[in-house]
Amino acid sequence: FGADATALVVPRKRFSPVKSSADLLALRSDCYELREDGSLSLKASRDGPPLVSLDDCYKKVDDFEKLVRKGAPSLIACSKLKVKG
């Protein structure tokens, strides 16, 4: 990167990586809002995203989609969600 490279610290409130179906569930929930510019952002009422843990049987997209076929649950007031089975 060179001598002029600079590291940036981006608060979790502005950066929401989706590395797993659990991250995707949080992103699809009502904790996030779609802005006019097409970007997603965590709602101002949240300090951070909820901690979501899904059982291994929801790792594949098809299985995850079956879990949320009627939509993602409301997580706006949730700090932690764990789904087993």
PDB file of N, CA and C in Angstrom:
ATOM      1  N   PHE A   1       0.811  -1.188   0.000  1.00  0.00           N
ATOM      2  CA  PHE A   1       0.000   0.000   0.000  1.00  0.00           C
ATOM      3  C   PHE A   1       0.856   1.255   0.000  1.00  0.00           C
ATOM      4  N   GLY A   2       2.023   1.171   0.440  1.00  0.00           N
ATOM      5  CA  GLY A   2       2.912   2.315   0.387  1.00  0.00           C
ATOM      6  C   GLY A   2       2.972   3.100   1.687  1.00  0.00           C
ATOM      7  N   ALA A   3       3.905   4.020   1.735  1.00  0.00           N
ATOM      8  CA  ALA A   3       4.164   4.812   2.937  1.00  0.00           C
ATOM      9  C   ALA A   3       3.031   5.785   3.256  1.00  0.00           C
ATOM     10  N   ASP A   4       2.249   6.140   2.259  1.00  0.00           N
ATOM     11  CA  ASP A   4       1.167   7.107   2.466  1.00  0.00           C
ATOM     12  C   ASP A   4      -0.169   6.452   2.828  1.00  0.00           C
ATOM     13  N   ALA A   5      -0.176   5.161   3.021  1.00  0.00           N
ATOM     14  CA  ALA A   5      -1.418   4.452   3.355  1.00  0.00           C
ATOM     15  C   ALA A   5      -1.933   4.897   4.726  1.00  0.00           C
ATOM     16  N   THR A   6      -3.239   4.976   4.839  1.00  0.00           N
ATOM     17  CA  THR A   6      -3.865   5.402   6.079  1.00  0.00           C
ATOM     18  C   THR A   6      -4.974   4.424   6.446  1.00  0.00           C
ATOM     19  N   ALA A   7      -5.050   4.087   7.703  1.00  0.00           N
ATOM     20  CA  ALA A   7      -6.125   3.216   8.184  1.00  0.00           C
ATOM     21  C   ALA A   7      -7.294   4.075   8.654  1.00  0.00           C
ATOM     22  N   LEU A   8      -8.488   3.608   8.393  1.00  0.00           N
ATOM     23  CA  LEU A   8      -9.683   4.311   8.842  1.00  0.00           C
ATOM     24  C   LEU A   8     -10.432   3.445   9.839  1.00  0.00           C
ATOM     25  N   VAL A   9     -10.952   4.074  10.842  1.00  0.00           N
ATOM     26  CA  VAL A   9     -11.799   3.385  11.802  1.00  0.00           C
ATOM     27  C   VAL A   9     -13.240   3.778  11.482  1.00  0.00           C
ATOM     28  N   VAL A  10     -14.025   2.792  11.066  1.00  0.00           N
ATOM     29  CA  VAL A  10     -15.422   3.049  10.721  1.00  0.00           C
ATOM     30  C   VAL A  10     -16.277   2.434  11.808  1.00  0.00           C
ATOM     31  N   PRO A  11     -17.093   3.243  12.476  1.00  0.00           N
ATOM     32  CA  PRO A  11     -17.932   2.701  13.545  1.00  0.00           C
ATOM     33  C   PRO A  11     -18.909   1.658  13.018  1.00  0.00           C
ATOM     34  N   ARG A  12     -19.215   0.673  13.828  1.00  0.00           N
ATOM     35  CA  ARG A  12     -20.107  -0.405  13.437  1.00  0.00           C
ATOM     36  C   ARG A  12     -21.477   0.141  13.019  1.00  0.00           C
ATOM     37  N   LYS A  13     -21.845   1.278  13.533  1.00  0.00           N
ATOM     38  CA  LYS A  13     -23.123   1.882  13.173  1.00  0.00           C
ATOM     39  C   LYS A  13     -23.153   2.258  11.691  1.00  0.00           C
ATOM     40  N   ARG A  14     -21.991   2.470  11.084  1.00  0.00           N
ATOM     41  CA  ARG A  14     -21.918   2.860   9.667  1.00  0.00           C
ATOM     42  C   ARG A  14     -21.483   1.728   8.759  1.00  0.00           C
ATOM     43  N   PHE A  15     -21.086   0.603   9.314  1.00  0.00           N
ATOM     44  CA  PHE A  15     -20.567  -0.503   8.511  1.00  0.00           C
ATOM     45  C   PHE A  15     -21.173  -1.796   9.008  1.00  0.00           C
ATOM     46  N   SER A  16     -21.884  -2.490   8.150  1.00  0.00           N
ATOM     47  CA  SER A  16     -22.538  -3.739   8.546  1.00  0.00           C
ATOM     48  C   SER A  16     -22.179  -4.852   7.570  1.00  0.00           C
ATOM     49  N   PRO A  17     -21.079  -5.540   7.830  1.00  0.00           N
ATOM     50  CA  PRO A  17     -20.695  -6.623   6.925  1.00  0.00           C
ATOM     51  C   PRO A  17     -21.689  -7.782   7.010  1.00  0.00           C
ATOM     52  N   VAL A  18     -21.900  -8.451   5.891  1.00  0.00           N
ATOM     53  CA  VAL A  18     -22.780  -9.624   5.856  1.00  0.00           C
ATOM     54  C   VAL A  18     -21.907 -10.813   5.486  1.00  0.00           C
ATOM     55  N   LYS A  19     -21.502 -11.558   6.516  1.00  0.00           N
ATOM     56  CA  LYS A  19     -20.639 -12.716   6.315  1.00  0.00           C
ATOM     57  C   LYS A  19     -21.374 -14.014   6.571  1.00  0.00           C
ATOM     58  N   SER A  20     -22.572 -13.922   7.126  1.00  0.00           N
ATOM     59  CA  SER A  20     -23.324 -15.137   7.459  1.00  0.00           C
ATOM     60  C   SER A  20     -24.815 -14.868   7.325  1.00  0.00           C
ATOM     61  N   SER A  21     -25.591 -15.930   7.378  1.00  0.00           N
ATOM     62  CA  SER A  21     -27.049 -15.772   7.322  1.00  0.00           C
ATOM     63  C   SER A  21     -27.558 -15.030   8.563  1.00  0.00           C
ATOM     64  N   ALA A  22     -26.867 -15.139   9.665  1.00  0.00           N
ATOM     65  CA  ALA A  22     -27.252 -14.408  10.872  1.00  0.00           C
ATOM     66  C   ALA A  22     -27.108 -12.899  10.637  1.00  0.00           C
ATOM     67  N   ASP A  23     -26.025 -12.488   9.984  1.00  0.00           N
ATOM     68  CA  ASP A  23     -25.836 -11.077   9.639  1.00  0.00           C
ATOM     69  C   ASP A  23     -26.929 -10.606   8.683  1.00  0.00           C
ATOM     70  N   LEU A  24     -27.293 -11.482   7.736  1.00  0.00           N
ATOM     71  CA  LEU A  24     -28.323 -11.144   6.764  1.00  0.00           C
ATOM     72  C   LEU A  24     -29.683 -10.972   7.440  1.00  0.00           C
ATOM     73  N   LEU A  25     -29.972 -11.806   8.426  1.00  0.00           N
ATOM     74  CA  LEU A  25     -31.233 -11.682   9.152  1.00  0.00           C
ATOM     75  C   LEU A  25     -31.308 -10.327   9.852  1.00  0.00           C
ATOM     76  N   ALA A  26     -30.246  -9.924  10.497  1.00  0.00           N
ATOM     77  CA  ALA A  26     -30.232  -8.620  11.160  1.00  0.00           C
ATOM     78  C   ALA A  26     -30.423  -7.498  10.144  1.00  0.00           C
ATOM     79  N   LEU A  27     -29.758  -7.604   9.007  1.00  0.00           N
ATOM     80  CA  LEU A  27     -29.846  -6.579   7.977  1.00  0.00           C
ATOM     81  C   LEU A  27     -31.247  -6.472   7.376  1.00  0.00           C
ATOM     82  N   ARG A  28     -31.949  -7.582   7.278  1.00  0.00           N
ATOM     83  CA  ARG A  28     -33.309  -7.590   6.720  1.00  0.00           C
ATOM     84  C   ARG A  28     -34.360  -7.166   7.747  1.00  0.00           C
ATOM     85  N   SER A  29     -33.968  -7.047   8.975  1.00  0.00           N
ATOM     86  CA  SER A  29     -34.924  -6.711  10.026  1.00  0.00           C
ATOM     87  C   SER A  29     -35.230  -5.211  10.025  1.00  0.00           C
ATOM     88  N   ASP A  30     -36.086  -4.830  10.935  1.00  0.00           N
ATOM     89  CA  ASP A  30     -36.466  -3.423  11.057  1.00  0.00           C
ATOM     90  C   ASP A  30     -35.437  -2.583  11.815  1.00  0.00           C
ATOM     91  N   CYS A  31     -34.270  -3.145  12.081  1.00  0.00           N
ATOM     92  CA  CYS A  31     -33.184  -2.381  12.705  1.00  0.00           C
ATOM     93  C   CYS A  31     -32.515  -1.460  11.690  1.00  0.00           C
ATOM     94  N   TYR A  32     -32.715  -1.766  10.421  1.00  0.00           N
ATOM     95  CA  TYR A  32     -32.099  -1.007   9.343  1.00  0.00           C
ATOM     96  C   TYR A  32     -33.160  -0.305   8.518  1.00  0.00           C
ATOM     97  N   GLU A  33     -32.761   0.789   7.903  1.00  0.00           N
ATOM     98  CA  GLU A  33     -33.664   1.513   7.025  1.00  0.00           C
ATOM     99  C   GLU A  33     -32.981   1.766   5.689  1.00  0.00           C
ATOM    100  N   LEU A  34     -33.790   1.794   4.647  1.00  0.00           N
ATOM    101  CA  LEU A  34     -33.301   2.081   3.309  1.00  0.00           C
ATOM    102  C   LEU A  34     -33.377   3.589   3.087  1.00  0.00           C
ATOM    103  N   ARG A  35     -32.247   4.175   2.777  1.00  0.00           N
ATOM    104  CA  ARG A  35     -32.193   5.626   2.565  1.00  0.00           C
ATOM    105  C   ARG A  35     -32.541   5.972   1.118  1.00  0.00           C
ATOM    106  N   GLU A  36     -32.787   7.231   0.883  1.00  0.00           N
ATOM    107  CA  GLU A  36     -33.143   7.688  -0.459  1.00  0.00           C
ATOM    108  C   GLU A  36     -32.063   7.394  -1.489  1.00  0.00           C
ATOM    109  N   ASP A  37     -30.798   7.376  -1.053  1.00  0.00           N
ATOM    110  CA  ASP A  37     -29.699   7.112  -1.989  1.00  0.00           C
ATOM    111  C   ASP A  37     -29.494   5.625  -2.246  1.00  0.00           C
ATOM    112  N   GLY A  38     -30.359   4.778  -1.658  1.00  0.00           N
ATOM    113  CA  GLY A  38     -30.280   3.332  -1.871  1.00  0.00           C
ATOM    114  C   GLY A  38     -29.412   2.603  -0.863  1.00  0.00           C
ATOM    115  N   SER A  39     -28.783   3.330   0.035  1.00  0.00           N
ATOM    116  CA  SER A  39     -27.937   2.678   1.043  1.00  0.00           C
ATOM    117  C   SER A  39     -28.772   2.254   2.248  1.00  0.00           C
ATOM    118  N   LEU A  40     -28.269   1.281   2.963  1.00  0.00           N
ATOM    119  CA  LEU A  40     -28.902   0.828   4.202  1.00  0.00           C
ATOM    120  C   LEU A  40     -28.138   1.404   5.370  1.00  0.00           C
ATOM    121  N   SER A  41     -28.868   1.792   6.400  1.00  0.00           N
ATOM    122  CA  SER A  41     -28.179   2.257   7.600  1.00  0.00           C
ATOM    123  C   SER A  41     -28.947   1.812   8.830  1.00  0.00           C
ATOM    124  N   LEU A  42     -28.204   1.623   9.884  1.00  0.00           N
ATOM    125  CA  LEU A  42     -28.793   1.259  11.164  1.00  0.00           C
ATOM    126  C   LEU A  42     -29.647   2.424  11.643  1.00  0.00           C
ATOM    127  N   LYS A  43     -30.828   2.132  12.126  1.00  0.00           N
ATOM    128  CA  LYS A  43     -31.713   3.202  12.594  1.00  0.00           C
ATOM    129  C   LYS A  43     -31.071   3.947  13.754  1.00  0.00           C
ATOM    130  N   ALA A  44     -31.346   5.228  13.828  1.00  0.00           N
ATOM    131  CA  ALA A  44     -30.739   6.101  14.833  1.00  0.00           C
ATOM    132  C   ALA A  44     -31.058   5.656  16.258  1.00  0.00           C
ATOM    133  N   SER A  45     -32.179   4.971  16.451  1.00  0.00           N
ATOM    134  CA  SER A  45     -32.570   4.530  17.793  1.00  0.00           C
ATOM    135  C   SER A  45     -31.724   3.360  18.298  1.00  0.00           C
ATOM    136  N   ARG A  46     -30.920   2.761  17.415  1.00  0.00           N
ATOM    137  CA  ARG A  46     -30.079   1.619  17.783  1.00  0.00           C
ATOM    138  C   ARG A  46     -28.656   2.075  18.076  1.00  0.00           C
ATOM    139  N   ASP A  47     -28.040   1.484  19.115  1.00  0.00           N
ATOM    140  CA  ASP A  47     -26.627   1.749  19.402  1.00  0.00           C
ATOM    141  C   ASP A  47     -25.726   0.879  18.540  1.00  0.00           C
ATOM    142  N   GLY A  48     -26.248  -0.235  18.089  1.00  0.00           N
ATOM    143  CA  GLY A  48     -25.520  -1.178  17.248  1.00  0.00           C
ATOM    144  C   GLY A  48     -26.476  -2.247  16.787  1.00  0.00           C
ATOM    145  N   PRO A  49     -26.023  -3.125  15.904  1.00  0.00           N
ATOM    146  CA  PRO A  49     -26.904  -4.184  15.426  1.00  0.00           C
ATOM    147  C   PRO A  49     -27.148  -5.228  16.514  1.00  0.00           C
ATOM    148  N   PRO A  50     -28.259  -5.960  16.419  1.00  0.00           N
ATOM    149  CA  PRO A  50     -28.492  -7.026  17.396  1.00  0.00           C
ATOM    150  C   PRO A  50     -27.516  -8.169  17.160  1.00  0.00           C
ATOM    151  N   LEU A  51     -27.208  -8.897  18.202  1.00  0.00           N
ATOM    152  CA  LEU A  51     -26.355 -10.068  18.094  1.00  0.00           C
ATOM    153  C   LEU A  51     -27.259 -11.248  17.735  1.00  0.00           C
ATOM    154  N   VAL A  52     -27.118 -11.748  16.513  1.00  0.00           N
ATOM    155  CA  VAL A  52     -27.964 -12.832  16.027  1.00  0.00           C
ATOM    156  C   VAL A  52     -27.127 -14.095  15.871  1.00  0.00           C
ATOM    157  N   SER A  53     -27.653 -15.197  16.381  1.00  0.00           N
ATOM    158  CA  SER A  53     -27.006 -16.502  16.264  1.00  0.00           C
ATOM    159  C   SER A  53     -28.022 -17.488  15.702  1.00  0.00           C
ATOM    160  N   LEU A  54     -27.697 -18.090  14.549  1.00  0.00           N
ATOM    161  CA  LEU A  54     -28.583 -19.073  13.939  1.00  0.00           C
ATOM    162  C   LEU A  54     -27.929 -20.441  13.964  1.00  0.00           C
ATOM    163  N   ASP A  55     -28.737 -21.454  14.152  1.00  0.00           N
ATOM    164  CA  ASP A  55     -28.268 -22.840  14.128  1.00  0.00           C
ATOM    165  C   ASP A  55     -27.621 -23.128  12.769  1.00  0.00           C
ATOM    166  N   ASP A  56     -26.712 -24.090  12.741  1.00  0.00           N
ATOM    167  CA  ASP A  56     -25.999 -24.439  11.514  1.00  0.00           C
ATOM    168  C   ASP A  56     -26.927 -24.845  10.372  1.00  0.00           C
ATOM    169  N   CYS A  57     -28.127 -25.301  10.694  1.00  0.00           N
ATOM    170  CA  CYS A  57     -29.049 -25.744   9.637  1.00  0.00           C
ATOM    171  C   CYS A  57     -29.550 -24.566   8.794  1.00  0.00           C
ATOM    172  N   TYR A  58     -29.218 -23.335   9.161  1.00  0.00           N
ATOM    173  CA  TYR A  58     -29.627 -22.158   8.392  1.00  0.00           C
ATOM    174  C   TYR A  58     -28.459 -21.493   7.669  1.00  0.00           C
ATOM    175  N   LYS A  59     -27.341 -22.197   7.546  1.00  0.00           N
ATOM    176  CA  LYS A  59     -26.175 -21.634   6.865  1.00  0.00           C
ATOM    177  C   LYS A  59     -26.396 -21.473   5.365  1.00  0.00           C
ATOM    178  N   LYS A  60     -27.110 -22.419   4.755  1.00  0.00           N
ATOM    179  CA  LYS A  60     -27.360 -22.353   3.314  1.00  0.00           C
ATOM    180  C   LYS A  60     -28.512 -21.381   3.047  1.00  0.00           C
ATOM    181  N   VAL A  61     -28.396 -20.659   1.956  1.00  0.00           N
ATOM    182  CA  VAL A  61     -29.366 -19.623   1.628  1.00  0.00           C
ATOM    183  C   VAL A  61     -30.779 -20.193   1.503  1.00  0.00           C
ATOM    184  N   ASP A  62     -30.932 -21.332   0.853  1.00  0.00           N
ATOM    185  CA  ASP A  62     -32.275 -21.926   0.688  1.00  0.00           C
ATOM    186  C   ASP A  62     -32.922 -22.204   2.038  1.00  0.00           C
ATOM    187  N   ASP A  63     -32.155 -22.740   2.977  1.00  0.00           N
ATOM    188  CA  ASP A  63     -32.693 -23.030   4.304  1.00  0.00           C
ATOM    189  C   ASP A  63     -32.989 -21.746   5.069  1.00  0.00           C
ATOM    190  N   PHE A  64     -32.142 -20.763   4.912  1.00  0.00           N
ATOM    191  CA  PHE A  64     -32.372 -19.466   5.546  1.00  0.00           C
ATOM    192  C   PHE A  64     -33.651 -18.828   5.007  1.00  0.00           C
ATOM    193  N   GLU A  65     -33.836 -18.885   3.701  1.00  0.00           N
ATOM    194  CA  GLU A  65     -35.032 -18.289   3.086  1.00  0.00           C
ATOM    195  C   GLU A  65     -36.310 -18.944   3.606  1.00  0.00           C
ATOM    196  N   LYS A  66     -36.268 -20.244   3.878  1.00  0.00           N
ATOM    197  CA  LYS A  66     -37.434 -20.926   4.456  1.00  0.00           C
ATOM    198  C   LYS A  66     -37.736 -20.379   5.850  1.00  0.00           C
ATOM    199  N   LEU A  67     -36.687 -20.042   6.591  1.00  0.00           N
ATOM    200  CA  LEU A  67     -36.841 -19.501   7.942  1.00  0.00           C
ATOM    201  C   LEU A  67     -37.546 -18.149   7.917  1.00  0.00           C
ATOM    202  N   VAL A  68     -37.249 -17.339   6.908  1.00  0.00           N
ATOM    203  CA  VAL A  68     -37.788 -15.972   6.860  1.00  0.00           C
ATOM    204  C   VAL A  68     -38.781 -15.782   5.709  1.00  0.00           C
ATOM    205  N   ARG A  69     -39.435 -16.843   5.283  1.00  0.00           N
ATOM    206  CA  ARG A  69     -40.328 -16.742   4.116  1.00  0.00           C
ATOM    207  C   ARG A  69     -41.467 -15.741   4.324  1.00  0.00           C
ATOM    208  N   LYS A  70     -41.841 -15.489   5.563  1.00  0.00           N
ATOM    209  CA  LYS A  70     -42.888 -14.494   5.849  1.00  0.00           C
ATOM    210  C   LYS A  70     -42.281 -13.157   6.273  1.00  0.00           C
ATOM    211  N   GLY A  71     -40.992 -13.024   6.114  1.00  0.00           N
ATOM    212  CA  GLY A  71     -40.299 -11.789   6.482  1.00  0.00           C
ATOM    213  C   GLY A  71     -39.466 -11.970   7.734  1.00  0.00           C
ATOM    214  N   ALA A  72     -38.509 -11.107   7.887  1.00  0.00           N
ATOM    215  CA  ALA A  72     -37.643 -11.138   9.075  1.00  0.00           C
ATOM    216  C   ALA A  72     -38.441 -10.667  10.289  1.00  0.00           C
ATOM    217  N   PRO A  73     -38.137 -11.219  11.448  1.00  0.00           N
ATOM    218  CA  PRO A  73     -38.840 -10.766  12.655  1.00  0.00           C
ATOM    219  C   PRO A  73     -38.413  -9.357  13.043  1.00  0.00           C
ATOM    220  N   SER A  74     -39.228  -8.715  13.823  1.00  0.00           N
ATOM    221  CA  SER A  74     -38.863  -7.399  14.337  1.00  0.00           C
ATOM    222  C   SER A  74     -37.738  -7.561  15.354  1.00  0.00           C
ATOM    223  N   LEU A  75     -36.659  -6.854  15.132  1.00  0.00           N
ATOM    224  CA  LEU A  75     -35.514  -6.896  16.051  1.00  0.00           C
ATOM    225  C   LEU A  75     -35.182  -5.508  16.584  1.00  0.00           C
ATOM    226  N   ILE A  76     -36.038  -4.539  16.352  1.00  0.00           N
ATOM    227  CA  ILE A  76     -35.742  -3.154  16.719  1.00  0.00           C
ATOM    228  C   ILE A  76     -35.469  -2.999  18.220  1.00  0.00           C
ATOM    229  N   ALA A  77     -36.143  -3.770  19.048  1.00  0.00           N
ATOM    230  CA  ALA A  77     -35.945  -3.678  20.490  1.00  0.00           C
ATOM    231  C   ALA A  77     -35.140  -4.860  21.032  1.00  0.00           C
ATOM    232  N   CYS A  78     -34.533  -5.619  20.133  1.00  0.00           N
ATOM    233  CA  CYS A  78     -33.815  -6.846  20.501  1.00  0.00           C
ATOM    234  C   CYS A  78     -32.318  -6.591  20.576  1.00  0.00           C
ATOM    235  N   SER A  79     -31.693  -7.088  21.628  1.00  0.00           N
ATOM    236  CA  SER A  79     -30.235  -6.989  21.702  1.00  0.00           C
ATOM    237  C   SER A  79     -29.576  -8.297  21.291  1.00  0.00           C
ATOM    238  N   LYS A  80     -30.308  -9.418  21.477  1.00  0.00           N
ATOM    239  CA  LYS A  80     -29.729 -10.726  21.180  1.00  0.00           C
ATOM    240  C   LYS A  80     -30.832 -11.690  20.755  1.00  0.00           C
ATOM    241  N   LEU A  81     -30.591 -12.460  19.697  1.00  0.00           N
ATOM    242  CA  LEU A  81     -31.526 -13.483  19.226  1.00  0.00           C
ATOM    243  C   LEU A  81     -30.736 -14.752  18.917  1.00  0.00           C
ATOM    244  N   LYS A  82     -31.207 -15.870  19.457  1.00  0.00           N
ATOM    245  CA  LYS A  82     -30.571 -17.157  19.194  1.00  0.00           C
ATOM    246  C   LYS A  82     -31.635 -18.123  18.693  1.00  0.00           C
ATOM    247  N   VAL A  83     -31.424 -18.724  17.517  1.00  0.00           N
ATOM    248  CA  VAL A  83     -32.375 -19.654  16.930  1.00  0.00           C
ATOM    249  C   VAL A  83     -31.707 -21.024  16.848  1.00  0.00           C
ATOM    250  N   LYS A  84     -32.356 -22.024  17.434  1.00  0.00           N
ATOM    251  CA  LYS A  84     -31.870 -23.403  17.381  1.00  0.00           C
ATOM    252  C   LYS A  84     -32.943 -24.270  16.756  1.00  0.00           C
ATOM    253  N   GLY A  85     -32.492 -25.191  15.916  1.00  0.00           N
ATOM    254  CA  GLY A  85     -33.429 -26.157  15.322  1.00  0.00           C
ATOM    255  C   GLY A  85     -34.230 -25.649  14.182  1.00  0.00           C
TER     256      GLY A  85
END
